[in-house]
Amino acid sequence: MLSEETLRDLHRLPGTLAFCVPGWGEHRADEVLPLASVGKLLLLRTLSHGFTNGDLDPEEPLTLLEDDYCPGSGLLLKLSGRVWTLSDLARLTAAISDNTATNGLLRRVGLDRVAEEAAHSGLEQTRILDRIREPRLPEHPVTFAVGTARELASLAESIAEDPLMLEWMASCTDRSMVPAAIPHDPEDSSVRTTPVDSLCMANKIWVANKTGTDVGTRTDVGIVRGVRQLCYAVLTHCEAGREFDMVLAMRALGAHIATAAQ
């Protein structure tokens, strides 16, 4: 658990930091905040269930349309290929948060289906509002996705039972936030079960996560496995230019999570 001093430090931050680690601690866990690309977890969860249930074919080819292409995170905007399987696009979304892949997948499955899946998972305030847009204009929804730390931590607990989601999230290339202070191998994309004896002997922890980055927003949701498993959701929101202060606080929280998992 966090000390009273650490909790007081959270109130001194130049913005809002909300977190939930079920069974361990929480702070402002029910506050609805913008999620940036963490909202893509809802899309990935929908795809994972569709692939598992046979409603969606992971090998189905999807041709990207001009309207799918979007600046920001990802590589597809700079690659020549226009036809990718749903599985390829899901992996690109999870690993490098590819905005173009996300838009193509959202067009294929539809926001309504993602919303239905979120509701089925018990999410009431966590939802995708729109496709990814760069820039986002006044006539568009104000942000891509919103949610609470409590609901996202609950989603992470559910994802911990989903091997495909774990595999996708273990390939995430952004470990700059919460996992930055967790001793782990960022290239270890094999799904590990708890306790992770081979890693624990080396004082390492296995991490699978998804991050979100936008102006004034840094978010991170993940599963860590060492001697024990912990699921976390950390959401931050601040004025433009103060994002790194929030990232430092996220890393400090990650160090506490690492200690609890070891």
C-alpha atoms as a PDB file:
ATOM      1  CA  MET A   1       0.000   0.000   0.000  1.00  0.00           C
ATOM      2  CA  LEU A   2       1.064   3.588  -0.575  1.00  0.00           C
ATOM      3  CA  SER A   3       2.092   5.688   2.409  1.00  0.00           C
ATOM      4  CA  GLU A   4       0.157   8.751   3.477  1.00  0.00           C
ATOM      5  CA  GLU A   5       3.108  10.859   2.366  1.00  0.00           C
ATOM      6  CA  THR A   6       2.988   9.384  -1.131  1.00  0.00           C
ATOM      7  CA  LEU A   7      -0.751   9.990  -1.357  1.00  0.00           C
ATOM      8  CA  ARG A   8      -0.195  13.608  -0.294  1.00  0.00           C
ATOM      9  CA  ASP A   9       2.361  13.916  -3.092  1.00  0.00           C
ATOM     10  CA  LEU A  10      -0.325  12.896  -5.585  1.00  0.00           C
ATOM     11  CA  HIS A  11      -2.376  15.915  -4.541  1.00  0.00           C
ATOM     12  CA  ARG A  12       0.603  18.197  -5.255  1.00  0.00           C
ATOM     13  CA  LEU A  13       0.906  17.142  -8.874  1.00  0.00           C
ATOM     14  CA  PRO A  14       0.195  19.731 -11.611  1.00  0.00           C
ATOM     15  CA  GLY A  15      -2.863  17.797 -12.697  1.00  0.00           C
ATOM     16  CA  THR A  16      -4.960  14.741 -11.897  1.00  0.00           C
ATOM     17  CA  LEU A  17      -3.516  11.271 -11.372  1.00  0.00           C
ATOM     18  CA  ALA A  18      -6.030   8.481 -10.861  1.00  0.00           C
ATOM     19  CA  PHE A  19      -5.068   4.882 -10.320  1.00  0.00           C
ATOM     20  CA  CYS A  20      -6.506   1.543  -9.318  1.00  0.00           C
ATOM     21  CA  VAL A  21      -4.624  -1.640  -8.454  1.00  0.00           C
ATOM     22  CA  PRO A  22      -7.286  -4.100  -7.239  1.00  0.00           C
ATOM     23  CA  GLY A  23      -6.464  -5.539  -3.851  1.00  0.00           C
ATOM     24  CA  TRP A  24      -3.618  -3.084  -3.332  1.00  0.00           C
ATOM     25  CA  GLY A  25      -4.633   0.560  -3.607  1.00  0.00           C
ATOM     26  CA  GLU A  26      -6.504   3.285  -5.446  1.00  0.00           C
ATOM     27  CA  HIS A  27      -6.786   7.060  -5.787  1.00  0.00           C
ATOM     28  CA  ARG A  28      -9.561   8.988  -7.559  1.00  0.00           C
ATOM     29  CA  ALA A  29     -10.412   5.671  -9.191  1.00  0.00           C
ATOM     30  CA  ASP A  30     -13.939   6.666 -10.251  1.00  0.00           C
ATOM     31  CA  GLU A  31     -13.042   9.956 -11.928  1.00  0.00           C
ATOM     32  CA  VAL A  32     -13.795   9.960 -15.663  1.00  0.00           C
ATOM     33  CA  LEU A  33     -10.730  11.072 -17.624  1.00  0.00           C
ATOM     34  CA  PRO A  34      -9.616  11.091 -21.280  1.00  0.00           C
ATOM     35  CA  LEU A  35      -7.828   7.871 -22.189  1.00  0.00           C
ATOM     36  CA  ALA A  36      -5.992   8.634 -25.428  1.00  0.00           C
ATOM     37  CA  SER A  37      -4.857   5.320 -26.959  1.00  0.00           C
ATOM     38  CA  VAL A  38      -5.620   3.249 -23.860  1.00  0.00           C
ATOM     39  CA  GLY A  39      -9.157   3.347 -25.249  1.00  0.00           C
ATOM     40  CA  LYS A  40      -7.927   1.042 -28.026  1.00  0.00           C
ATOM     41  CA  LEU A  41      -8.079  -1.780 -25.465  1.00  0.00           C
ATOM     42  CA  LEU A  42     -11.851  -1.819 -25.921  1.00  0.00           C
ATOM     43  CA  LEU A  43     -11.426  -2.385 -29.650  1.00  0.00           C
ATOM     44  CA  LEU A  44      -8.779  -5.063 -29.111  1.00  0.00           C
ATOM     45  CA  ARG A  45     -10.984  -6.847 -26.585  1.00  0.00           C
ATOM     46  CA  THR A  46     -13.819  -6.894 -29.113  1.00  0.00           C
ATOM     47  CA  LEU A  47     -11.528  -8.390 -31.742  1.00  0.00           C
ATOM     48  CA  SER A  48     -10.121 -10.969 -29.345  1.00  0.00           C
ATOM     49  CA  HIS A  49     -13.594 -12.192 -28.428  1.00  0.00           C
ATOM     50  CA  GLY A  50     -14.619 -12.194 -32.094  1.00  0.00           C
ATOM     51  CA  PHE A  51     -11.580 -14.265 -33.098  1.00  0.00           C
ATOM     52  CA  THR A  52     -12.103 -16.690 -30.198  1.00  0.00           C
ATOM     53  CA  ASN A  53     -15.822 -17.097 -30.820  1.00  0.00           C
ATOM     54  CA  GLY A  54     -15.450 -17.418 -34.574  1.00  0.00           C
ATOM     55  CA  ASP A  55     -17.503 -14.297 -35.309  1.00  0.00           C
ATOM     56  CA  LEU A  56     -14.459 -12.672 -36.877  1.00  0.00           C
ATOM     57  CA  ASP A  57     -11.761 -14.296 -38.996  1.00  0.00           C
ATOM     58  CA  PRO A  58      -8.260 -13.163 -37.976  1.00  0.00           C
ATOM     59  CA  GLU A  59      -7.081 -13.884 -41.543  1.00  0.00           C
ATOM     60  CA  GLU A  60      -9.787 -11.732 -43.152  1.00  0.00           C
ATOM     61  CA  PRO A  61      -8.103  -9.175 -45.437  1.00  0.00           C
ATOM     62  CA  LEU A  62      -9.012  -5.538 -44.901  1.00  0.00           C
ATOM     63  CA  THR A  63      -8.199  -2.895 -47.483  1.00  0.00           C
ATOM     64  CA  LEU A  64      -7.331   0.414 -45.877  1.00  0.00           C
ATOM     65  CA  LEU A  65      -9.227   3.416 -47.249  1.00  0.00           C
ATOM     66  CA  GLU A  66      -7.913   6.949 -47.550  1.00  0.00           C
ATOM     67  CA  ASP A  67     -10.151   8.005 -44.674  1.00  0.00           C
ATOM     68  CA  ASP A  68      -8.512   5.424 -42.380  1.00  0.00           C
ATOM     69  CA  TYR A  69      -5.083   7.002 -42.658  1.00  0.00           C
ATOM     70  CA  CYS A  70      -4.210   9.196 -39.708  1.00  0.00           C
ATOM     71  CA  PRO A  71      -1.065  10.950 -38.453  1.00  0.00           C
ATOM     72  CA  GLY A  72       0.326  10.304 -34.993  1.00  0.00           C
ATOM     73  CA  SER A  73       1.472   6.970 -33.663  1.00  0.00           C
ATOM     74  CA  GLY A  74       2.050   4.057 -36.018  1.00  0.00           C
ATOM     75  CA  LEU A  75       3.810   3.034 -39.212  1.00  0.00           C
ATOM     76  CA  LEU A  76       1.087   2.306 -41.754  1.00  0.00           C
ATOM     77  CA  LEU A  77       0.959   5.935 -42.844  1.00  0.00           C
ATOM     78  CA  LYS A  78       4.504   5.483 -44.185  1.00  0.00           C
ATOM     79  CA  LEU A  79       4.184   1.935 -45.568  1.00  0.00           C
ATOM     80  CA  SER A  80       3.110   1.010 -49.094  1.00  0.00           C
ATOM     81  CA  GLY A  81       0.881  -1.965 -48.212  1.00  0.00           C
ATOM     82  CA  ARG A  82      -2.847  -1.316 -48.375  1.00  0.00           C
ATOM     83  CA  VAL A  83      -4.260  -4.778 -47.550  1.00  0.00           C
ATOM     84  CA  TRP A  84      -3.694  -6.327 -44.125  1.00  0.00           C
ATOM     85  CA  THR A  85      -5.390  -9.091 -42.161  1.00  0.00           C
ATOM     86  CA  LEU A  86      -7.481  -8.218 -39.124  1.00  0.00           C
ATOM     87  CA  SER A  87      -4.888 -10.002 -37.008  1.00  0.00           C
ATOM     88  CA  ASP A  88      -2.073  -7.913 -38.502  1.00  0.00           C
ATOM     89  CA  LEU A  89      -3.946  -4.700 -37.767  1.00  0.00           C
ATOM     90  CA  ALA A  90      -4.732  -5.798 -34.219  1.00  0.00           C
ATOM     91  CA  ARG A  91      -1.053  -6.505 -33.554  1.00  0.00           C
ATOM     92  CA  LEU A  92      -0.059  -3.128 -34.981  1.00  0.00           C
ATOM     93  CA  THR A  93      -2.650  -1.454 -32.755  1.00  0.00           C
ATOM     94  CA  ALA A  94      -1.377  -3.234 -29.647  1.00  0.00           C
ATOM     95  CA  ALA A  95       2.351  -3.047 -30.309  1.00  0.00           C
ATOM     96  CA  ILE A  96       2.824   0.461 -31.685  1.00  0.00           C
ATOM     97  CA  SER A  97      -0.653   1.950 -31.198  1.00  0.00           C
ATOM     98  CA  ASP A  98      -1.040   2.442 -34.946  1.00  0.00           C
ATOM     99  CA  ASN A  99      -3.774   5.029 -35.528  1.00  0.00           C
ATOM    100  CA  THR A 100      -4.425   3.951 -39.116  1.00  0.00           C
ATOM    101  CA  ALA A 101      -4.794   0.302 -38.088  1.00  0.00           C
ATOM    102  CA  THR A 102      -7.187   1.390 -35.345  1.00  0.00           C
ATOM    103  CA  ASN A 103      -9.367   3.349 -37.747  1.00  0.00           C
ATOM    104  CA  GLY A 104      -9.504   0.480 -40.217  1.00  0.00           C
ATOM    105  CA  LEU A 105     -10.531  -1.963 -37.491  1.00  0.00           C
ATOM    106  CA  LEU A 106     -13.114   0.423 -36.045  1.00  0.00           C
ATOM    107  CA  ARG A 107     -14.634   0.797 -39.496  1.00  0.00           C
ATOM    108  CA  ARG A 108     -14.771  -2.984 -39.853  1.00  0.00           C
ATOM    109  CA  VAL A 109     -16.315  -3.898 -36.488  1.00  0.00           C
ATOM    110  CA  GLY A 110     -18.199  -0.645 -35.786  1.00  0.00           C
ATOM    111  CA  LEU A 111     -18.405   1.525 -32.688  1.00  0.00           C
ATOM    112  CA  ASP A 112     -21.733  -0.070 -31.730  1.00  0.00           C
ATOM    113  CA  ARG A 113     -20.172  -3.514 -31.431  1.00  0.00           C
ATOM    114  CA  VAL A 114     -17.298  -2.127 -29.353  1.00  0.00           C
ATOM    115  CA  ALA A 115     -19.829  -0.383 -27.090  1.00  0.00           C
ATOM    116  CA  GLU A 116     -21.823  -3.610 -26.697  1.00  0.00           C
ATOM    117  CA  GLU A 117     -18.677  -5.522 -25.761  1.00  0.00           C
ATOM    118  CA  ALA A 118     -17.729  -2.854 -23.223  1.00  0.00           C
ATOM    119  CA  ALA A 119     -21.180  -3.003 -21.633  1.00  0.00           C
ATOM    120  CA  HIS A 120     -21.004  -6.806 -21.533  1.00  0.00           C
ATOM    121  CA  SER A 121     -17.687  -6.443 -19.686  1.00  0.00           C
ATOM    122  CA  GLY A 122     -19.384  -4.271 -17.063  1.00  0.00           C
ATOM    123  CA  LEU A 123     -17.919  -0.970 -18.233  1.00  0.00           C
ATOM    124  CA  GLU A 124     -20.362   1.866 -17.699  1.00  0.00           C
ATOM    125  CA  GLN A 125     -18.215   4.990 -18.049  1.00  0.00           C
ATOM    126  CA  THR A 126     -15.347   3.649 -20.116  1.00  0.00           C
ATOM    127  CA  ARG A 127     -16.031   3.902 -23.833  1.00  0.00           C
ATOM    128  CA  ILE A 128     -14.719   4.900 -27.248  1.00  0.00           C
ATOM    129  CA  LEU A 129     -16.439   8.055 -28.481  1.00  0.00           C
ATOM    130  CA  ASP A 130     -15.085   8.369 -31.994  1.00  0.00           C
ATOM    131  CA  ARG A 131     -12.454   7.234 -34.475  1.00  0.00           C
ATOM    132  CA  ILE A 132      -8.892   8.586 -34.236  1.00  0.00           C
ATOM    133  CA  ARG A 133      -8.667  12.069 -35.766  1.00  0.00           C
ATOM    134  CA  GLU A 134      -5.698  14.358 -36.342  1.00  0.00           C
ATOM    135  CA  PRO A 135      -6.651  17.145 -36.008  1.00  0.00           C
ATOM    136  CA  ARG A 136      -9.808  16.903 -33.892  1.00  0.00           C
ATOM    137  CA  LEU A 137     -12.139  19.733 -34.904  1.00  0.00           C
ATOM    138  CA  PRO A 138     -14.923  21.453 -32.890  1.00  0.00           C
ATOM    139  CA  GLU A 139     -17.632  19.434 -34.677  1.00  0.00           C
ATOM    140  CA  HIS A 140     -16.038  16.151 -33.545  1.00  0.00           C
ATOM    141  CA  PRO A 141     -16.393  14.458 -30.146  1.00  0.00           C
ATOM    142  CA  VAL A 142     -13.990  16.192 -27.789  1.00  0.00           C
ATOM    143  CA  THR A 143     -11.752  13.136 -27.386  1.00  0.00           C
ATOM    144  CA  PHE A 144     -11.259   9.594 -28.668  1.00  0.00           C
ATOM    145  CA  ALA A 145     -12.164   7.728 -25.478  1.00  0.00           C
ATOM    146  CA  VAL A 146     -12.907   8.278 -21.783  1.00  0.00           C
ATOM    147  CA  GLY A 147     -12.967   6.046 -18.738  1.00  0.00           C
ATOM    148  CA  THR A 148     -12.123   5.443 -15.098  1.00  0.00           C
ATOM    149  CA  ALA A 149      -9.156   3.766 -13.470  1.00  0.00           C
ATOM    150  CA  ARG A 150     -11.417   1.379 -11.570  1.00  0.00           C
ATOM    151  CA  GLU A 151     -13.179   0.121 -14.675  1.00  0.00           C
ATOM    152  CA  LEU A 152      -9.940  -0.199 -16.630  1.00  0.00           C
ATOM    153  CA  ALA A 153      -8.251  -2.098 -13.804  1.00  0.00           C
ATOM    154  CA  SER A 154     -11.233  -4.448 -13.817  1.00  0.00           C
ATOM    155  CA  LEU A 155     -10.823  -4.818 -17.569  1.00  0.00           C
ATOM    156  CA  ALA A 156      -7.137  -5.622 -17.036  1.00  0.00           C
ATOM    157  CA  GLU A 157      -8.131  -8.383 -14.596  1.00  0.00           C
ATOM    158  CA  SER A 158     -10.389  -9.824 -17.280  1.00  0.00           C
ATOM    159  CA  ILE A 159      -7.667  -9.479 -19.922  1.00  0.00           C
ATOM    160  CA  ALA A 160      -5.356 -11.462 -17.637  1.00  0.00           C
ATOM    161  CA  GLU A 161      -7.542 -14.489 -18.478  1.00  0.00           C
ATOM    162  CA  ASP A 162      -7.367 -13.818 -22.243  1.00  0.00           C
ATOM    163  CA  PRO A 163      -4.203 -15.350 -23.786  1.00  0.00           C
ATOM    164  CA  LEU A 164      -4.576 -13.508 -27.093  1.00  0.00           C
ATOM    165  CA  MET A 165      -4.947 -10.105 -25.441  1.00  0.00           C
ATOM    166  CA  LEU A 166      -1.965 -10.851 -23.207  1.00  0.00           C
ATOM    167  CA  GLU A 167       0.110 -11.790 -26.249  1.00  0.00           C
ATOM    168  CA  TRP A 168      -0.826  -8.581 -28.028  1.00  0.00           C
ATOM    169  CA  MET A 169      -0.166  -6.375 -24.994  1.00  0.00           C
ATOM    170  CA  ALA A 170       3.127  -8.110 -24.200  1.00  0.00           C
ATOM    171  CA  SER A 171       4.373  -6.795 -27.552  1.00  0.00           C
ATOM    172  CA  CYS A 172       3.721  -3.152 -26.584  1.00  0.00           C
ATOM    173  CA  THR A 173       6.829  -1.123 -27.391  1.00  0.00           C
ATOM    174  CA  ASP A 174       6.022   1.761 -25.016  1.00  0.00           C
ATOM    175  CA  ARG A 175       7.307   0.968 -21.531  1.00  0.00           C
ATOM    176  CA  SER A 176       8.069   4.607 -20.706  1.00  0.00           C
ATOM    177  CA  MET A 177       5.350   5.137 -18.106  1.00  0.00           C
ATOM    178  CA  VAL A 178       4.428   2.737 -15.269  1.00  0.00           C
ATOM    179  CA  PRO A 179       6.762  -0.113 -16.395  1.00  0.00           C
ATOM    180  CA  ALA A 180       9.783   2.233 -16.616  1.00  0.00           C
ATOM    181  CA  ALA A 181      10.467   1.603 -12.900  1.00  0.00           C
ATOM    182  CA  ILE A 182       9.595  -2.105 -13.046  1.00  0.00           C
ATOM    183  CA  PRO A 183      12.567  -4.449 -13.637  1.00  0.00           C
ATOM    184  CA  HIS A 184      11.497  -6.356 -16.741  1.00  0.00           C
ATOM    185  CA  ASP A 185      12.567  -7.398 -20.221  1.00  0.00           C
ATOM    186  CA  PRO A 186      10.640  -5.194 -22.674  1.00  0.00           C
ATOM    187  CA  GLU A 187      11.301  -7.709 -25.463  1.00  0.00           C
ATOM    188  CA  ASP A 188       9.814 -10.657 -23.555  1.00  0.00           C
ATOM    189  CA  SER A 189       6.544 -11.105 -25.447  1.00  0.00           C
ATOM    190  CA  SER A 190       5.968 -14.691 -24.305  1.00  0.00           C
ATOM    191  CA  VAL A 191       2.883 -14.977 -22.119  1.00  0.00           C
ATOM    192  CA  ARG A 192       4.041 -15.916 -18.613  1.00  0.00           C
ATOM    193  CA  THR A 193       1.984 -17.468 -15.831  1.00  0.00           C
ATOM    194  CA  THR A 194       2.186 -16.527 -12.150  1.00  0.00           C
ATOM    195  CA  PRO A 195       4.513 -17.028 -10.360  1.00  0.00           C
ATOM    196  CA  VAL A 196       7.129 -16.342 -12.996  1.00  0.00           C
ATOM    197  CA  ASP A 197       9.817 -18.391 -11.267  1.00  0.00           C
ATOM    198  CA  SER A 198      12.531 -18.039 -13.898  1.00  0.00           C
ATOM    199  CA  LEU A 199      12.225 -14.256 -13.885  1.00  0.00           C
ATOM    200  CA  CYS A 200      11.793 -13.936 -10.130  1.00  0.00           C
ATOM    201  CA  MET A 201      15.151 -15.624  -9.604  1.00  0.00           C
ATOM    202  CA  ALA A 202      16.661 -12.758 -11.598  1.00  0.00           C
ATOM    203  CA  ASN A 203      14.550 -10.181  -9.725  1.00  0.00           C
ATOM    204  CA  LYS A 204      12.591  -9.473 -12.889  1.00  0.00           C
ATOM    205  CA  ILE A 205       8.870  -9.110 -13.547  1.00  0.00           C
ATOM    206  CA  TRP A 206       6.816  -9.819 -16.680  1.00  0.00           C
ATOM    207  CA  VAL A 207       4.801  -6.900 -18.068  1.00  0.00           C
ATOM    208  CA  ALA A 208       2.008  -6.580 -20.632  1.00  0.00           C
ATOM    209  CA  ASN A 209       0.565  -3.104 -21.103  1.00  0.00           C
ATOM    210  CA  LYS A 210      -1.064  -0.480 -23.317  1.00  0.00           C
ATOM    211  CA  THR A 211      -0.341   3.227 -23.111  1.00  0.00           C
ATOM    212  CA  GLY A 212      -2.014   6.394 -24.301  1.00  0.00           C
ATOM    213  CA  THR A 213      -0.448   9.737 -25.181  1.00  0.00           C
ATOM    214  CA  ASP A 214      -2.121  13.000 -26.098  1.00  0.00           C
ATOM    215  CA  VAL A 215      -1.727  16.656 -25.217  1.00  0.00           C
ATOM    216  CA  GLY A 216      -2.255  16.838 -21.466  1.00  0.00           C
ATOM    217  CA  THR A 217      -2.870  13.088 -21.212  1.00  0.00           C
ATOM    218  CA  ARG A 218      -0.670  10.143 -20.272  1.00  0.00           C
ATOM    219  CA  THR A 219      -2.323   6.796 -19.475  1.00  0.00           C
ATOM    220  CA  ASP A 220      -1.189   3.219 -18.900  1.00  0.00           C
ATOM    221  CA  VAL A 221      -3.062  -0.035 -18.220  1.00  0.00           C
ATOM    222  CA  GLY A 222      -1.342  -3.341 -17.670  1.00  0.00           C
ATOM    223  CA  ILE A 223      -0.723  -6.664 -16.014  1.00  0.00           C
ATOM    224  CA  VAL A 224       2.472  -7.445 -14.102  1.00  0.00           C
ATOM    225  CA  ARG A 225       3.505 -10.922 -13.003  1.00  0.00           C
ATOM    226  CA  GLY A 226       6.249 -11.827 -10.580  1.00  0.00           C
ATOM    227  CA  VAL A 227       5.698 -13.812  -7.415  1.00  0.00           C
ATOM    228  CA  ARG A 228       2.152 -12.493  -7.625  1.00  0.00           C
ATOM    229  CA  GLN A 229       0.011 -10.874 -10.296  1.00  0.00           C
ATOM    230  CA  LEU A 230      -1.112  -7.270 -10.108  1.00  0.00           C
ATOM    231  CA  CYS A 231      -3.313  -5.458 -12.610  1.00  0.00           C
ATOM    232  CA  TYR A 232      -3.169  -1.683 -12.816  1.00  0.00           C
ATOM    233  CA  ALA A 233      -4.722   1.331 -14.477  1.00  0.00           C
ATOM    234  CA  VAL A 234      -3.073   4.740 -14.149  1.00  0.00           C
ATOM    235  CA  LEU A 235      -4.673   7.773 -15.798  1.00  0.00           C
ATOM    236  CA  THR A 236      -3.295  11.305 -15.756  1.00  0.00           C
ATOM    237  CA  HIS A 237      -4.531  14.626 -17.088  1.00  0.00           C
ATOM    238  CA  CYS A 238      -2.797  18.000 -16.865  1.00  0.00           C
ATOM    239  CA  GLU A 239      -2.118  21.265 -18.656  1.00  0.00           C
ATOM    240  CA  ALA A 240      -0.141  21.045 -21.859  1.00  0.00           C
ATOM    241  CA  GLY A 241       3.571  21.116 -21.084  1.00  0.00           C
ATOM    242  CA  ARG A 242       3.324  19.378 -17.696  1.00  0.00           C
ATOM    243  CA  GLU A 243       2.983  15.837 -19.046  1.00  0.00           C
ATOM    244  CA  PHE A 244       6.466  14.701 -17.996  1.00  0.00           C
ATOM    245  CA  ASP A 245       5.754  15.636 -14.392  1.00  0.00           C
ATOM    246  CA  MET A 246       2.842  13.216 -14.554  1.00  0.00           C
ATOM    247  CA  VAL A 247       5.002  10.540 -16.188  1.00  0.00           C
ATOM    248  CA  LEU A 248       7.506  10.786 -13.335  1.00  0.00           C
ATOM    249  CA  ALA A 249       4.662  10.211 -10.876  1.00  0.00           C
ATOM    250  CA  MET A 250       3.503   7.222 -12.945  1.00  0.00           C
ATOM    251  CA  ARG A 251       7.008   5.762 -12.779  1.00  0.00           C
ATOM    252  CA  ALA A 252       7.124   6.269  -9.018  1.00  0.00           C
ATOM    253  CA  LEU A 253       3.861   4.379  -8.748  1.00  0.00           C
ATOM    254  CA  GLY A 254       5.324   1.654 -10.968  1.00  0.00           C
ATOM    255  CA  ALA A 255       8.188   1.187  -8.505  1.00  0.00           C
ATOM    256  CA  HIS A 256       5.665   0.548  -5.713  1.00  0.00           C
ATOM    257  CA  ILE A 257       3.775  -1.911  -7.927  1.00  0.00           C
ATOM    258  CA  ALA A 258       7.024  -3.742  -8.675  1.00  0.00           C
ATOM    259  CA  THR A 259       7.749  -4.128  -4.978  1.00  0.00           C
ATOM    260  CA  ALA A 260       4.270  -5.497  -4.369  1.00  0.00           C
ATOM    261  CA  ALA A 261       4.604  -8.028  -7.207  1.00  0.00           C
ATOM    262  CA  GLN A 262       8.035  -9.339  -6.192  1.00  0.00           C
END
